[in-house]
Amino acid sequence: MEQLLADKIKAVITSSIPRVNLSCIGGENGKIRHLTSSHIKSASMLFKGHPVRSLIAEASAGPFILMDNFKFARELRENANYAGDLLDELKDLIKGQVKDKRVITPYTLHYWKSS
């Protein structure tokens, strides 16, 4: 049930993303365009590993890295669960680019992790 809900939310988020270069700022910002502070707060109250909670962190990672004025900067400072989830997501993104302590591909952001 939780995964079904996460998949529906992901479909809504994905449908709002402008079709531009995947690593450009406009494309990444599109993933959080319709999210609100209430969404962040509600998702962070779900158990760690909940598909919706993970999806919010995944959607936030690219905009956090690429945007000068990250939309949820305040929430990041005030909500330890959200901050922790975002750090976990960033670690996964970075580790995916490194092998044997060497960068194996140029760093790029993708819309969603491979499932």
N, C-alpha and C. Protein backbone atom coordinates (compact mmCIF):
# COMPACT_ATOMS: atom_id res chain seq x y z
N MET A 1 0.82 -1.19 0.00
CA MET A 1 0.00 0.00 0.00
C MET A 1 0.87 1.26 0.00
N GLU A 2 1.91 1.25 0.87
CA GLU A 2 2.78 2.42 0.94
C GLU A 2 3.49 2.67 -0.39
N GLN A 3 3.95 1.58 -1.02
CA GLN A 3 4.65 1.72 -2.29
C GLN A 3 3.71 2.24 -3.38
N LEU A 4 2.47 1.80 -3.36
CA LEU A 4 1.48 2.28 -4.33
C LEU A 4 1.29 3.78 -4.19
N LEU A 5 1.19 4.26 -2.95
CA LEU A 5 1.05 5.69 -2.70
C LEU A 5 2.29 6.44 -3.18
N ALA A 6 3.47 5.92 -2.88
CA ALA A 6 4.71 6.56 -3.32
C ALA A 6 4.78 6.62 -4.85
N ASP A 7 4.36 5.55 -5.51
CA ASP A 7 4.37 5.54 -6.98
C ASP A 7 3.42 6.58 -7.56
N LYS A 8 2.26 6.76 -6.93
CA LYS A 8 1.30 7.77 -7.41
C LYS A 8 1.86 9.18 -7.21
N ILE A 9 2.49 9.42 -6.06
CA ILE A 9 3.09 10.73 -5.80
C ILE A 9 4.22 10.98 -6.80
N LYS A 10 5.03 9.97 -7.05
CA LYS A 10 6.13 10.11 -8.00
C LYS A 10 5.60 10.44 -9.40
N ALA A 11 4.49 9.82 -9.78
CA ALA A 11 3.89 10.09 -11.09
C ALA A 11 3.43 11.54 -11.19
N VAL A 12 2.85 12.07 -10.11
CA VAL A 12 2.41 13.47 -10.10
C VAL A 12 3.61 14.39 -10.20
N ILE A 13 4.64 14.11 -9.41
CA ILE A 13 5.85 14.94 -9.45
C ILE A 13 6.47 14.89 -10.84
N THR A 14 6.61 13.70 -11.39
CA THR A 14 7.24 13.53 -12.70
C THR A 14 6.48 14.26 -13.79
N SER A 15 5.17 14.24 -13.72
CA SER A 15 4.37 14.90 -14.76
C SER A 15 4.51 16.41 -14.72
N SER A 16 5.00 16.97 -13.60
CA SER A 16 5.14 18.42 -13.51
C SER A 16 6.54 18.90 -13.89
N ILE A 17 7.44 17.98 -14.18
CA ILE A 17 8.82 18.36 -14.50
C ILE A 17 8.89 18.84 -15.95
N PRO A 18 9.41 20.06 -16.16
CA PRO A 18 9.57 20.53 -17.53
C PRO A 18 10.58 19.64 -18.25
N ARG A 19 10.36 19.40 -19.50
CA ARG A 19 11.24 18.53 -20.28
C ARG A 19 12.43 19.33 -20.78
N VAL A 20 13.46 19.36 -19.95
CA VAL A 20 14.70 20.06 -20.27
C VAL A 20 15.86 19.13 -19.95
N ASN A 21 17.07 19.60 -20.22
CA ASN A 21 18.26 18.83 -19.91
C ASN A 21 18.19 18.32 -18.46
N LEU A 22 18.45 17.04 -18.27
CA LEU A 22 18.28 16.43 -16.95
C LEU A 22 19.10 17.07 -15.85
N SER A 23 20.27 17.58 -16.15
CA SER A 23 21.10 18.13 -15.09
C SER A 23 20.97 19.64 -14.97
N CYS A 24 20.05 20.24 -15.71
CA CYS A 24 19.92 21.70 -15.60
C CYS A 24 19.03 22.06 -14.42
N ILE A 25 19.18 23.25 -13.97
CA ILE A 25 18.49 23.70 -12.76
C ILE A 25 16.98 23.63 -12.91
N GLY A 26 16.44 24.06 -14.01
CA GLY A 26 14.99 24.05 -14.17
C GLY A 26 14.38 22.67 -14.07
N GLY A 27 15.07 21.68 -14.61
CA GLY A 27 14.57 20.31 -14.55
C GLY A 27 14.55 19.77 -13.14
N GLU A 28 15.61 19.99 -12.39
CA GLU A 28 15.66 19.50 -11.02
C GLU A 28 14.67 20.22 -10.12
N ASN A 29 14.53 21.52 -10.28
CA ASN A 29 13.61 22.28 -9.45
C ASN A 29 12.17 21.82 -9.67
N GLY A 30 11.89 21.29 -10.85
CA GLY A 30 10.55 20.81 -11.16
C GLY A 30 10.10 19.69 -10.24
N LYS A 31 11.06 18.94 -9.68
CA LYS A 31 10.69 17.82 -8.81
C LYS A 31 10.09 18.28 -7.49
N ILE A 32 10.37 19.50 -7.08
CA ILE A 32 9.82 19.97 -5.80
C ILE A 32 8.84 21.12 -5.98
N ARG A 33 8.54 21.45 -7.22
CA ARG A 33 7.68 22.60 -7.51
C ARG A 33 6.36 22.55 -6.74
N HIS A 34 5.73 21.37 -6.68
CA HIS A 34 4.42 21.27 -6.05
C HIS A 34 4.47 20.76 -4.61
N LEU A 35 5.67 20.52 -4.09
CA LEU A 35 5.79 20.11 -2.69
C LEU A 35 5.71 21.34 -1.80
N THR A 36 5.19 21.14 -0.59
CA THR A 36 5.07 22.23 0.38
C THR A 36 5.78 21.85 1.67
N SER A 37 5.90 22.82 2.56
CA SER A 37 6.47 22.55 3.88
C SER A 37 5.68 21.48 4.61
N SER A 38 4.38 21.48 4.43
CA SER A 38 3.53 20.47 5.07
C SER A 38 3.86 19.07 4.56
N HIS A 39 4.16 18.95 3.27
CA HIS A 39 4.55 17.65 2.73
C HIS A 39 5.84 17.16 3.38
N ILE A 40 6.80 18.07 3.52
CA ILE A 40 8.08 17.72 4.13
C ILE A 40 7.86 17.26 5.57
N LYS A 41 7.09 18.03 6.31
CA LYS A 41 6.83 17.71 7.72
C LYS A 41 6.10 16.38 7.85
N SER A 42 5.07 16.18 7.06
CA SER A 42 4.29 14.93 7.13
C SER A 42 5.14 13.72 6.76
N ALA A 43 5.92 13.85 5.70
CA ALA A 43 6.76 12.73 5.27
C ALA A 43 7.81 12.39 6.31
N SER A 44 8.34 13.40 6.98
CA SER A 44 9.39 13.14 7.97
C SER A 44 8.85 12.45 9.22
N MET A 45 7.53 12.46 9.40
CA MET A 45 6.93 11.76 10.54
C MET A 45 6.68 10.28 10.24
N LEU A 46 6.78 9.90 8.98
CA LEU A 46 6.63 8.49 8.62
C LEU A 46 7.88 7.73 9.07
N PHE A 47 7.78 6.42 9.18
CA PHE A 47 8.94 5.64 9.63
C PHE A 47 10.05 5.70 8.59
N LYS A 48 11.30 5.65 9.08
CA LYS A 48 12.45 5.69 8.18
C LYS A 48 12.37 4.50 7.23
N GLY A 49 12.58 4.76 5.96
CA GLY A 49 12.47 3.73 4.95
C GLY A 49 11.11 3.66 4.28
N HIS A 50 10.14 4.43 4.79
CA HIS A 50 8.81 4.47 4.16
C HIS A 50 8.99 5.02 2.74
N PRO A 51 8.35 4.40 1.75
CA PRO A 51 8.55 4.83 0.36
C PRO A 51 8.25 6.31 0.11
N VAL A 52 7.24 6.86 0.77
CA VAL A 52 6.92 8.28 0.56
C VAL A 52 8.00 9.16 1.18
N ARG A 53 8.45 8.81 2.37
CA ARG A 53 9.51 9.59 3.03
C ARG A 53 10.78 9.56 2.17
N SER A 54 11.11 8.40 1.63
CA SER A 54 12.29 8.27 0.78
C SER A 54 12.14 9.07 -0.52
N LEU A 55 10.95 9.06 -1.08
CA LEU A 55 10.68 9.78 -2.32
C LEU A 55 10.88 11.29 -2.15
N ILE A 56 10.42 11.83 -1.02
CA ILE A 56 10.58 13.27 -0.76
C ILE A 56 12.07 13.63 -0.71
N ALA A 57 12.87 12.80 -0.04
CA ALA A 57 14.31 13.06 0.03
C ALA A 57 14.95 12.94 -1.35
N GLU A 58 14.55 11.92 -2.10
CA GLU A 58 15.10 11.72 -3.45
C GLU A 58 14.77 12.91 -4.35
N ALA A 59 13.54 13.39 -4.28
CA ALA A 59 13.13 14.53 -5.10
C ALA A 59 13.87 15.80 -4.71
N SER A 60 14.27 15.90 -3.44
CA SER A 60 14.92 17.11 -2.93
C SER A 60 16.41 17.17 -3.23
N ALA A 61 17.05 16.05 -3.47
CA ALA A 61 18.52 16.01 -3.57
C ALA A 61 19.06 16.90 -4.69
N GLY A 62 18.54 16.77 -5.90
CA GLY A 62 19.03 17.57 -7.02
C GLY A 62 18.84 19.06 -6.81
N PRO A 63 17.62 19.49 -6.45
CA PRO A 63 17.43 20.91 -6.20
C PRO A 63 18.32 21.45 -5.09
N PHE A 64 18.55 20.65 -4.04
CA PHE A 64 19.41 21.09 -2.95
C PHE A 64 20.82 21.38 -3.46
N ILE A 65 21.34 20.52 -4.32
CA ILE A 65 22.69 20.70 -4.85
C ILE A 65 22.74 21.85 -5.85
N LEU A 66 21.76 21.95 -6.73
CA LEU A 66 21.84 22.87 -7.86
C LEU A 66 21.27 24.27 -7.63
N MET A 67 20.36 24.41 -6.70
CA MET A 67 19.68 25.70 -6.52
C MET A 67 20.41 26.58 -5.51
N ASP A 68 20.60 27.84 -5.85
CA ASP A 68 21.20 28.77 -4.90
C ASP A 68 20.27 29.03 -3.73
N ASN A 69 18.99 29.11 -4.00
CA ASN A 69 18.00 29.34 -2.95
C ASN A 69 17.09 28.13 -2.87
N PHE A 70 17.57 27.08 -2.19
CA PHE A 70 16.81 25.85 -2.06
C PHE A 70 15.49 26.13 -1.34
N LYS A 71 14.41 25.71 -1.94
CA LYS A 71 13.06 25.99 -1.46
C LYS A 71 12.84 25.55 -0.01
N PHE A 72 13.45 24.46 0.40
CA PHE A 72 13.20 23.92 1.74
C PHE A 72 14.41 24.07 2.66
N ALA A 73 15.16 25.14 2.52
CA ALA A 73 16.33 25.37 3.36
C ALA A 73 15.94 25.48 4.84
N ARG A 74 14.85 26.17 5.12
CA ARG A 74 14.39 26.32 6.51
C ARG A 74 14.02 24.96 7.10
N GLU A 75 13.28 24.17 6.32
CA GLU A 75 12.87 22.84 6.79
C GLU A 75 14.09 21.96 7.04
N LEU A 76 15.10 22.13 6.22
CA LEU A 76 16.33 21.35 6.37
C LEU A 76 17.02 21.67 7.69
N ARG A 77 17.02 22.94 8.06
CA ARG A 77 17.63 23.35 9.33
C ARG A 77 16.78 22.93 10.53
N GLU A 78 15.46 22.93 10.39
CA GLU A 78 14.57 22.72 11.53
C GLU A 78 14.10 21.27 11.70
N ASN A 79 14.26 20.43 10.70
CA ASN A 79 13.71 19.08 10.76
C ASN A 79 14.84 18.06 10.61
N ALA A 80 15.23 17.48 11.73
CA ALA A 80 16.37 16.55 11.73
C ALA A 80 16.09 15.32 10.86
N ASN A 81 14.86 14.83 10.84
CA ASN A 81 14.55 13.66 10.02
C ASN A 81 14.74 13.96 8.54
N TYR A 82 14.24 15.12 8.10
CA TYR A 82 14.38 15.52 6.70
C TYR A 82 15.86 15.72 6.36
N ALA A 83 16.60 16.38 7.25
CA ALA A 83 18.02 16.60 7.01
C ALA A 83 18.77 15.28 6.90
N GLY A 84 18.45 14.35 7.79
CA GLY A 84 19.10 13.04 7.75
C GLY A 84 18.78 12.27 6.48
N ASP A 85 17.50 12.31 6.08
CA ASP A 85 17.10 11.63 4.85
C ASP A 85 17.80 12.22 3.63
N LEU A 86 17.91 13.55 3.60
CA LEU A 86 18.56 14.20 2.47
C LEU A 86 20.06 13.87 2.44
N LEU A 87 20.69 13.83 3.61
CA LEU A 87 22.10 13.44 3.66
C LEU A 87 22.30 12.01 3.16
N ASP A 88 21.40 11.11 3.57
CA ASP A 88 21.48 9.72 3.08
C ASP A 88 21.35 9.67 1.56
N GLU A 89 20.43 10.45 1.03
CA GLU A 89 20.20 10.48 -0.42
C GLU A 89 21.43 11.05 -1.15
N LEU A 90 22.00 12.12 -0.61
CA LEU A 90 23.20 12.72 -1.22
C LEU A 90 24.37 11.74 -1.19
N LYS A 91 24.50 11.00 -0.10
CA LYS A 91 25.57 10.00 -0.01
C LYS A 91 25.40 8.95 -1.10
N ASP A 92 24.16 8.48 -1.29
CA ASP A 92 23.90 7.49 -2.35
C ASP A 92 24.23 8.05 -3.73
N LEU A 93 23.87 9.32 -3.98
CA LEU A 93 24.17 9.94 -5.27
C LEU A 93 25.68 10.00 -5.51
N ILE A 94 26.40 10.43 -4.49
CA ILE A 94 27.84 10.60 -4.63
C ILE A 94 28.54 9.25 -4.74
N LYS A 95 28.14 8.29 -3.91
CA LYS A 95 28.75 6.96 -3.97
C LYS A 95 28.53 6.30 -5.32
N GLY A 96 27.43 6.62 -5.97
CA GLY A 96 27.17 6.07 -7.29
C GLY A 96 28.13 6.58 -8.35
N GLN A 97 28.84 7.65 -8.04
CA GLN A 97 29.78 8.26 -8.98
C GLN A 97 31.23 7.89 -8.67
N VAL A 98 31.47 7.15 -7.59
CA VAL A 98 32.83 6.87 -7.14
C VAL A 98 33.05 5.36 -7.04
N LYS A 99 34.21 4.91 -7.48
CA LYS A 99 34.59 3.50 -7.32
C LYS A 99 36.07 3.47 -6.97
N ASP A 100 36.40 2.74 -5.93
CA ASP A 100 37.79 2.66 -5.47
C ASP A 100 38.38 4.05 -5.26
N LYS A 101 37.58 4.92 -4.66
CA LYS A 101 37.99 6.29 -4.31
C LYS A 101 38.36 7.14 -5.52
N ARG A 102 37.89 6.76 -6.70
CA ARG A 102 38.11 7.56 -7.91
C ARG A 102 36.76 7.85 -8.53
N VAL A 103 36.63 9.03 -9.09
CA VAL A 103 35.40 9.37 -9.81
C VAL A 103 35.40 8.58 -11.11
N ILE A 104 34.34 7.80 -11.33
CA ILE A 104 34.31 6.96 -12.53
C ILE A 104 33.50 7.56 -13.66
N THR A 105 32.62 8.50 -13.35
CA THR A 105 31.87 9.20 -14.39
C THR A 105 31.71 10.64 -13.96
N PRO A 106 31.56 11.56 -14.90
CA PRO A 106 31.28 12.94 -14.52
C PRO A 106 30.01 12.97 -13.68
N TYR A 107 29.99 13.85 -12.71
CA TYR A 107 28.84 13.92 -11.81
C TYR A 107 27.64 14.51 -12.55
N THR A 108 26.58 13.75 -12.61
CA THR A 108 25.33 14.23 -13.19
C THR A 108 24.20 13.81 -12.29
N LEU A 109 23.13 14.53 -12.34
CA LEU A 109 21.94 14.19 -11.58
C LEU A 109 20.91 13.62 -12.52
N HIS A 110 20.19 12.66 -12.07
CA HIS A 110 19.14 12.04 -12.87
C HIS A 110 17.82 12.27 -12.17
N TYR A 111 16.74 12.18 -12.92
CA TYR A 111 15.43 12.43 -12.33
C TYR A 111 15.13 11.48 -11.19
N TRP A 112 15.38 10.21 -11.36
CA TRP A 112 15.07 9.22 -10.32
C TRP A 112 16.13 8.14 -10.34
N LYS A 113 16.35 7.57 -9.20
CA LYS A 113 17.26 6.43 -9.14
C LYS A 113 16.65 5.28 -9.94
N SER A 114 17.51 4.43 -10.44
CA SER A 114 17.03 3.23 -11.13
C SER A 114 16.35 2.34 -10.11
N SER A 115 15.20 1.81 -10.46
CA SER A 115 14.49 0.94 -9.52
C SER A 115 14.89 -0.49 -9.72
